[in-house]
PDB file of N, CA and C in Angstrom:
ATOM      1  N   MET A   1     -13.129  27.741  13.175  1.00  0.00           N
ATOM      2  CA  MET A   1     -11.788  28.287  13.260  1.00  0.00           C
ATOM      3  C   MET A   1     -11.893  29.704  13.828  1.00  0.00           C
ATOM      4  N   LEU A   2     -11.007  30.018  14.726  1.00  0.00           N
ATOM      5  CA  LEU A   2     -10.961  31.349  15.329  1.00  0.00           C
ATOM      6  C   LEU A   2      -9.910  32.193  14.628  1.00  0.00           C
ATOM      7  N   ALA A   3     -10.108  33.494  14.628  1.00  0.00           N
ATOM      8  CA  ALA A   3      -9.137  34.406  14.017  1.00  0.00           C
ATOM      9  C   ALA A   3      -8.696  35.426  15.057  1.00  0.00           C
ATOM     10  N   VAL A   4      -7.471  35.873  14.936  1.00  0.00           N
ATOM     11  CA  VAL A   4      -6.938  36.929  15.801  1.00  0.00           C
ATOM     12  C   VAL A   4      -6.372  38.023  14.920  1.00  0.00           C
ATOM     13  N   LYS A   5      -6.234  39.195  15.494  1.00  0.00           N
ATOM     14  CA  LYS A   5      -5.695  40.338  14.760  1.00  0.00           C
ATOM     15  C   LYS A   5      -4.355  40.728  15.374  1.00  0.00           C
ATOM     16  N   ILE A   6      -3.392  41.057  14.546  1.00  0.00           N
ATOM     17  CA  ILE A   6      -2.084  41.504  15.018  1.00  0.00           C
ATOM     18  C   ILE A   6      -2.188  42.989  15.352  1.00  0.00           C
ATOM     19  N   SER A   7      -1.784  43.343  16.578  1.00  0.00           N
ATOM     20  CA  SER A   7      -1.845  44.738  17.010  1.00  0.00           C
ATOM     21  C   SER A   7      -0.690  45.524  16.390  1.00  0.00           C
ATOM     22  N   PRO A   8      -0.718  46.862  16.515  1.00  0.00           N
ATOM     23  CA  PRO A   8       0.402  47.667  16.007  1.00  0.00           C
ATOM     24  C   PRO A   8       1.748  47.302  16.657  1.00  0.00           C
ATOM     25  N   LYS A   9       1.687  46.674  17.852  1.00  0.00           N
ATOM     26  CA  LYS A   9       2.913  46.228  18.526  1.00  0.00           C
ATOM     27  C   LYS A   9       3.236  44.765  18.194  1.00  0.00           C
ATOM     28  N   TYR A  10       2.585  44.219  17.175  1.00  0.00           N
ATOM     29  CA  TYR A  10       2.773  42.830  16.743  1.00  0.00           C
ATOM     30  C   TYR A  10       2.386  41.829  17.822  1.00  0.00           C
ATOM     31  N   GLN A  11       1.376  42.141  18.601  1.00  0.00           N
ATOM     32  CA  GLN A  11       0.875  41.248  19.637  1.00  0.00           C
ATOM     33  C   GLN A  11      -0.442  40.645  19.185  1.00  0.00           C
ATOM     34  N   VAL A  12      -0.717  39.444  19.674  1.00  0.00           N
ATOM     35  CA  VAL A  12      -2.005  38.805  19.438  1.00  0.00           C
ATOM     36  C   VAL A  12      -2.555  38.322  20.774  1.00  0.00           C
ATOM     37  N   VAL A  13      -3.870  38.217  20.870  1.00  0.00           N
ATOM     38  CA  VAL A  13      -4.527  37.696  22.061  1.00  0.00           C
ATOM     39  C   VAL A  13      -5.032  36.298  21.739  1.00  0.00           C
ATOM     40  N   ILE A  14      -4.697  35.336  22.588  1.00  0.00           N
ATOM     41  CA  ILE A  14      -5.190  33.978  22.408  1.00  0.00           C
ATOM     42  C   ILE A  14      -6.639  33.971  22.896  1.00  0.00           C
ATOM     43  N   PRO A  15      -7.576  33.590  22.052  1.00  0.00           N
ATOM     44  CA  PRO A  15      -8.977  33.615  22.449  1.00  0.00           C
ATOM     45  C   PRO A  15      -9.247  32.780  23.714  1.00  0.00           C
ATOM     46  N   LYS A  16     -10.183  33.257  24.528  1.00  0.00           N
ATOM     47  CA  LYS A  16     -10.501  32.622  25.813  1.00  0.00           C
ATOM     48  C   LYS A  16     -10.833  31.143  25.641  1.00  0.00           C
ATOM     49  N   GLU A  17     -11.595  30.825  24.614  1.00  0.00           N
ATOM     50  CA  GLU A  17     -11.971  29.431  24.363  1.00  0.00           C
ATOM     51  C   GLU A  17     -10.730  28.531  24.245  1.00  0.00           C
ATOM     52  N   LEU A  18      -9.727  29.001  23.533  1.00  0.00           N
ATOM     53  CA  LEU A  18      -8.503  28.210  23.365  1.00  0.00           C
ATOM     54  C   LEU A  18      -7.665  28.195  24.634  1.00  0.00           C
ATOM     55  N   ARG A  19      -7.590  29.329  25.341  1.00  0.00           N
ATOM     56  CA  ARG A  19      -6.840  29.377  26.614  1.00  0.00           C
ATOM     57  C   ARG A  19      -7.407  28.354  27.595  1.00  0.00           C
ATOM     58  N   GLU A  20      -8.726  28.283  27.675  1.00  0.00           N
ATOM     59  CA  GLU A  20      -9.354  27.330  28.595  1.00  0.00           C
ATOM     60  C   GLU A  20      -9.142  25.896  28.133  1.00  0.00           C
ATOM     61  N   GLN A  21      -9.286  25.661  26.844  1.00  0.00           N
ATOM     62  CA  GLN A  21      -9.107  24.313  26.303  1.00  0.00           C
ATOM     63  C   GLN A  21      -7.689  23.804  26.550  1.00  0.00           C
ATOM     64  N   LEU A  22      -6.702  24.679  26.389  1.00  0.00           N
ATOM     65  CA  LEU A  22      -5.297  24.291  26.561  1.00  0.00           C
ATOM     66  C   LEU A  22      -4.786  24.501  27.978  1.00  0.00           C
ATOM     67  N   LYS A  23      -5.650  25.026  28.848  1.00  0.00           N
ATOM     68  CA  LYS A  23      -5.297  25.279  30.259  1.00  0.00           C
ATOM     69  C   LYS A  23      -4.076  26.184  30.381  1.00  0.00           C
ATOM     70  N   LEU A  24      -4.060  27.258  29.582  1.00  0.00           N
ATOM     71  CA  LEU A  24      -2.964  28.224  29.626  1.00  0.00           C
ATOM     72  C   LEU A  24      -3.178  29.181  30.793  1.00  0.00           C
ATOM     73  N   LYS A  25      -2.102  29.572  31.421  1.00  0.00           N
ATOM     74  CA  LYS A  25      -2.144  30.468  32.577  1.00  0.00           C
ATOM     75  C   LYS A  25      -1.361  31.744  32.278  1.00  0.00           C
ATOM     76  N   PRO A  26      -1.733  32.865  32.911  1.00  0.00           N
ATOM     77  CA  PRO A  26      -0.953  34.100  32.732  1.00  0.00           C
ATOM     78  C   PRO A  26       0.495  33.892  33.176  1.00  0.00           C
ATOM     79  N   GLY A  27       1.428  34.385  32.398  1.00  0.00           N
ATOM     80  CA  GLY A  27       2.855  34.242  32.708  1.00  0.00           C
ATOM     81  C   GLY A  27       3.470  32.944  32.222  1.00  0.00           C
ATOM     82  N   GLN A  28       2.649  32.020  31.735  1.00  0.00           N
ATOM     83  CA  GLN A  28       3.173  30.752  31.234  1.00  0.00           C
ATOM     84  C   GLN A  28       3.976  30.997  29.965  1.00  0.00           C
ATOM     85  N   LYS A  29       5.077  30.269  29.802  1.00  0.00           N
ATOM     86  CA  LYS A  29       5.907  30.410  28.610  1.00  0.00           C
ATOM     87  C   LYS A  29       5.432  29.444  27.528  1.00  0.00           C
ATOM     88  N   LEU A  30       5.561  29.899  26.294  1.00  0.00           N
ATOM     89  CA  LEU A  30       5.251  29.079  25.133  1.00  0.00           C
ATOM     90  C   LEU A  30       6.429  29.136  24.173  1.00  0.00           C
ATOM     91  N   PHE A  31       6.707  28.018  23.522  1.00  0.00           N
ATOM     92  CA  PHE A  31       7.706  28.011  22.467  1.00  0.00           C
ATOM     93  C   PHE A  31       7.031  28.508  21.191  1.00  0.00           C
ATOM     94  N   VAL A  32       7.725  29.359  20.447  1.00  0.00           N
ATOM     95  CA  VAL A  32       7.208  29.912  19.200  1.00  0.00           C
ATOM     96  C   VAL A  32       8.168  29.529  18.088  1.00  0.00           C
ATOM     97  N   TYR A  33       7.628  28.933  17.026  1.00  0.00           N
ATOM     98  CA  TYR A  33       8.479  28.570  15.900  1.00  0.00           C
ATOM     99  C   TYR A  33       7.637  28.470  14.631  1.00  0.00           C
ATOM    100  N   VAL A  34       8.320  28.381  13.507  1.00  0.00           N
ATOM    101  CA  VAL A  34       7.655  28.254  12.213  1.00  0.00           C
ATOM    102  C   VAL A  34       7.839  26.820  11.731  1.00  0.00           C
ATOM    103  N   ARG A  35       6.742  26.219  11.306  1.00  0.00           N
ATOM    104  CA  ARG A  35       6.803  24.869  10.735  1.00  0.00           C
ATOM    105  C   ARG A  35       5.931  24.861   9.488  1.00  0.00           C
ATOM    106  N   GLU A  36       6.537  24.502   8.385  1.00  0.00           N
ATOM    107  CA  GLU A  36       5.837  24.406   7.094  1.00  0.00           C
ATOM    108  C   GLU A  36       5.065  25.690   6.783  1.00  0.00           C
ATOM    109  N   GLY A  37       5.689  26.836   7.051  1.00  0.00           N
ATOM    110  CA  GLY A  37       5.100  28.117   6.723  1.00  0.00           C
ATOM    111  C   GLY A  37       4.031  28.615   7.681  1.00  0.00           C
ATOM    112  N   SER A  38       3.828  27.920   8.808  1.00  0.00           N
ATOM    113  CA  SER A  38       2.832  28.321   9.798  1.00  0.00           C
ATOM    114  C   SER A  38       3.513  28.646  11.119  1.00  0.00           C
ATOM    115  N   LEU A  39       2.984  29.627  11.807  1.00  0.00           N
ATOM    116  CA  LEU A  39       3.474  29.995  13.132  1.00  0.00           C
ATOM    117  C   LEU A  39       2.886  29.028  14.142  1.00  0.00           C
ATOM    118  N   ARG A  40       3.732  28.459  14.993  1.00  0.00           N
ATOM    119  CA  ARG A  40       3.281  27.486  15.993  1.00  0.00           C
ATOM    120  C   ARG A  40       3.605  27.995  17.383  1.00  0.00           C
ATOM    121  N   LEU A  41       2.692  27.807  18.317  1.00  0.00           N
ATOM    122  CA  LEU A  41       2.890  28.105  19.737  1.00  0.00           C
ATOM    123  C   LEU A  41       2.645  26.809  20.493  1.00  0.00           C
ATOM    124  N   GLU A  42       3.598  26.406  21.312  1.00  0.00           N
ATOM    125  CA  GLU A  42       3.433  25.180  22.089  1.00  0.00           C
ATOM    126  C   GLU A  42       4.005  25.363  23.478  1.00  0.00           C
ATOM    127  N   PRO A  43       3.295  24.853  24.482  1.00  0.00           N
ATOM    128  CA  PRO A  43       3.859  24.895  25.832  1.00  0.00           C
ATOM    129  C   PRO A  43       5.016  23.903  25.926  1.00  0.00           C
ATOM    130  N   PRO A  44       6.012  24.207  26.761  1.00  0.00           N
ATOM    131  CA  PRO A  44       7.110  23.248  26.929  1.00  0.00           C
ATOM    132  C   PRO A  44       6.570  21.946  27.513  1.00  0.00           C
ATOM    133  N   ARG A  45       7.129  20.837  27.069  1.00  0.00           N
ATOM    134  CA  ARG A  45       6.703  19.537  27.585  1.00  0.00           C
ATOM    135  C   ARG A  45       7.633  19.103  28.706  1.00  0.00           C
ATOM    136  N   PRO A  46       7.098  18.435  29.712  1.00  0.00           N
ATOM    137  CA  PRO A  46       7.966  17.922  30.774  1.00  0.00           C
ATOM    138  C   PRO A  46       8.909  16.858  30.218  1.00  0.00           C
ATOM    139  N   ILE A  47      10.070  16.771  30.799  1.00  0.00           N
ATOM    140  CA  ILE A  47      11.082  15.816  30.333  1.00  0.00           C
ATOM    141  C   ILE A  47      10.554  14.389  30.392  1.00  0.00           C
ATOM    142  N   SER A  48       9.640  14.111  31.315  1.00  0.00           N
ATOM    143  CA  SER A  48       9.097  12.751  31.443  1.00  0.00           C
ATOM    144  C   SER A  48       8.334  12.328  30.191  1.00  0.00           C
ATOM    145  N   GLU A  49       7.786  13.284  29.425  1.00  0.00           N
ATOM    146  CA  GLU A  49       7.077  12.947  28.197  1.00  0.00           C
ATOM    147  C   GLU A  49       8.021  12.506  27.082  1.00  0.00           C
ATOM    148  N   LEU A  50       9.293  12.827  27.206  1.00  0.00           N
ATOM    149  CA  LEU A  50      10.250  12.481  26.161  1.00  0.00           C
ATOM    150  C   LEU A  50      10.737  11.037  26.260  1.00  0.00           C
ATOM    151  N   PHE A  51      10.477  10.392  27.393  1.00  0.00           N
ATOM    152  CA  PHE A  51      10.930   9.018  27.573  1.00  0.00           C
ATOM    153  C   PHE A  51      10.322   8.123  26.493  1.00  0.00           C
ATOM    154  N   GLY A  52      11.176   7.396  25.780  1.00  0.00           N
ATOM    155  CA  GLY A  52      10.722   6.441  24.784  1.00  0.00           C
ATOM    156  C   GLY A  52      10.425   7.017  23.408  1.00  0.00           C
ATOM    157  N   ILE A  53      10.834   8.271  23.128  1.00  0.00           N
ATOM    158  CA  ILE A  53      10.514   8.845  21.816  1.00  0.00           C
ATOM    159  C   ILE A  53      11.417   8.312  20.710  1.00  0.00           C
ATOM    160  N   ALA A  54      12.495   7.647  21.076  1.00  0.00           N
ATOM    161  CA  ALA A  54      13.423   7.136  20.068  1.00  0.00           C
ATOM    162  C   ALA A  54      13.704   5.656  20.312  1.00  0.00           C
ATOM    163  N   PRO A  55      12.665   4.822  20.267  1.00  0.00           N
ATOM    164  CA  PRO A  55      12.905   3.399  20.495  1.00  0.00           C
ATOM    165  C   PRO A  55      13.718   2.785  19.358  1.00  0.00           C
ATOM    166  N   GLY A  56      14.555   1.847  19.720  1.00  0.00           N
ATOM    167  CA  GLY A  56      15.316   1.133  18.707  1.00  0.00           C
ATOM    168  C   GLY A  56      16.630   1.773  18.307  1.00  0.00           C
ATOM    169  N   ILE A  57      16.925   2.965  18.829  1.00  0.00           N
ATOM    170  CA  ILE A  57      18.197   3.598  18.489  1.00  0.00           C
ATOM    171  C   ILE A  57      19.294   2.916  19.300  1.00  0.00           C
ATOM    172  N   ASP A  58      20.322   2.493  18.618  1.00  0.00           N
ATOM    173  CA  ASP A  58      21.442   1.801  19.258  1.00  0.00           C
ATOM    174  C   ASP A  58      22.600   2.786  19.390  1.00  0.00           C
ATOM    175  N   TRP A  59      22.815   3.307  20.595  1.00  0.00           N
ATOM    176  CA  TRP A  59      23.891   4.274  20.827  1.00  0.00           C
ATOM    177  C   TRP A  59      25.209   3.566  21.006  1.00  0.00           C
ATOM    178  N   LYS A  60      26.243   4.167  20.446  1.00  0.00           N
ATOM    179  CA  LYS A  60      27.604   3.665  20.627  1.00  0.00           C
ATOM    180  C   LYS A  60      28.399   4.712  21.391  1.00  0.00           C
ATOM    181  N   GLU A  61      29.433   4.302  22.057  1.00  0.00           N
ATOM    182  CA  GLU A  61      30.277   5.245  22.805  1.00  0.00           C
ATOM    183  C   GLU A  61      30.845   6.315  21.884  1.00  0.00           C
ATOM    184  N   SER A  62      31.083   5.975  20.620  1.00  0.00           N
ATOM    185  CA  SER A  62      31.640   6.942  19.675  1.00  0.00           C
ATOM    186  C   SER A  62      30.623   8.021  19.285  1.00  0.00           C
ATOM    187  N   ASP A  63      29.328   7.815  19.576  1.00  0.00           N
ATOM    188  CA  ASP A  63      28.299   8.820  19.274  1.00  0.00           C
ATOM    189  C   ASP A  63      28.371  10.009  20.225  1.00  0.00           C
ATOM    190  N   ARG A  64      28.967   9.833  21.376  1.00  0.00           N
ATOM    191  CA  ARG A  64      29.020  10.872  22.384  1.00  0.00           C
ATOM    192  C   ARG A  64      30.195  11.805  22.139  1.00  0.00           C
ATOM    193  N   ASP A  65      29.943  13.109  22.289  1.00  0.00           N
ATOM    194  CA  ASP A  65      30.994  14.108  22.156  1.00  0.00           C
ATOM    195  C   ASP A  65      31.611  14.351  23.531  1.00  0.00           C
ATOM    196  N   HIS A  66      32.823  13.846  23.728  1.00  0.00           N
ATOM    197  CA  HIS A  66      33.476  13.979  25.030  1.00  0.00           C
ATOM    198  C   HIS A  66      34.051  15.374  25.253  1.00  0.00           C
ATOM    199  N   ASP A  67      34.019  16.222  24.252  1.00  0.00           N
ATOM    200  CA  ASP A  67      34.553  17.576  24.382  1.00  0.00           C
ATOM    201  C   ASP A  67      33.484  18.593  24.741  1.00  0.00           C
ATOM    202  N   ASP A  68      32.254  18.142  25.064  1.00  0.00           N
ATOM    203  CA  ASP A  68      31.158  19.074  25.329  1.00  0.00           C
ATOM    204  C   ASP A  68      31.101  19.522  26.792  1.00  0.00           C
ATOM    205  N   ARG A  69      32.105  19.219  27.565  1.00  0.00           N
ATOM    206  CA  ARG A  69      32.132  19.605  28.984  1.00  0.00           C
ATOM    207  C   ARG A  69      32.720  20.980  29.149  1.00  0.00           C
ATOM    208  N   PHE A  70      32.279  21.692  30.153  1.00  0.00           N
ATOM    209  CA  PHE A  70      32.807  23.017  30.454  1.00  0.00           C
ATOM    210  C   PHE A  70      33.922  22.925  31.457  1.00  0.00           C
TER     211      PHE A  70
END
């Protein structure tokens, strides 16, 4: 397990080993959130990866909010 230190500006450096393993690039955006009391960093996933994540859901026309248009 690797450890990082929080700087006085509340910044952390992702260790090189992990940057290479995850193929992170300078300027790349990461989503930051808390899950079960832990800080999580994840790269955004392409929309194509979301295909099929909810198999078996039967949508009805009444499920759609027709007032969500601008």
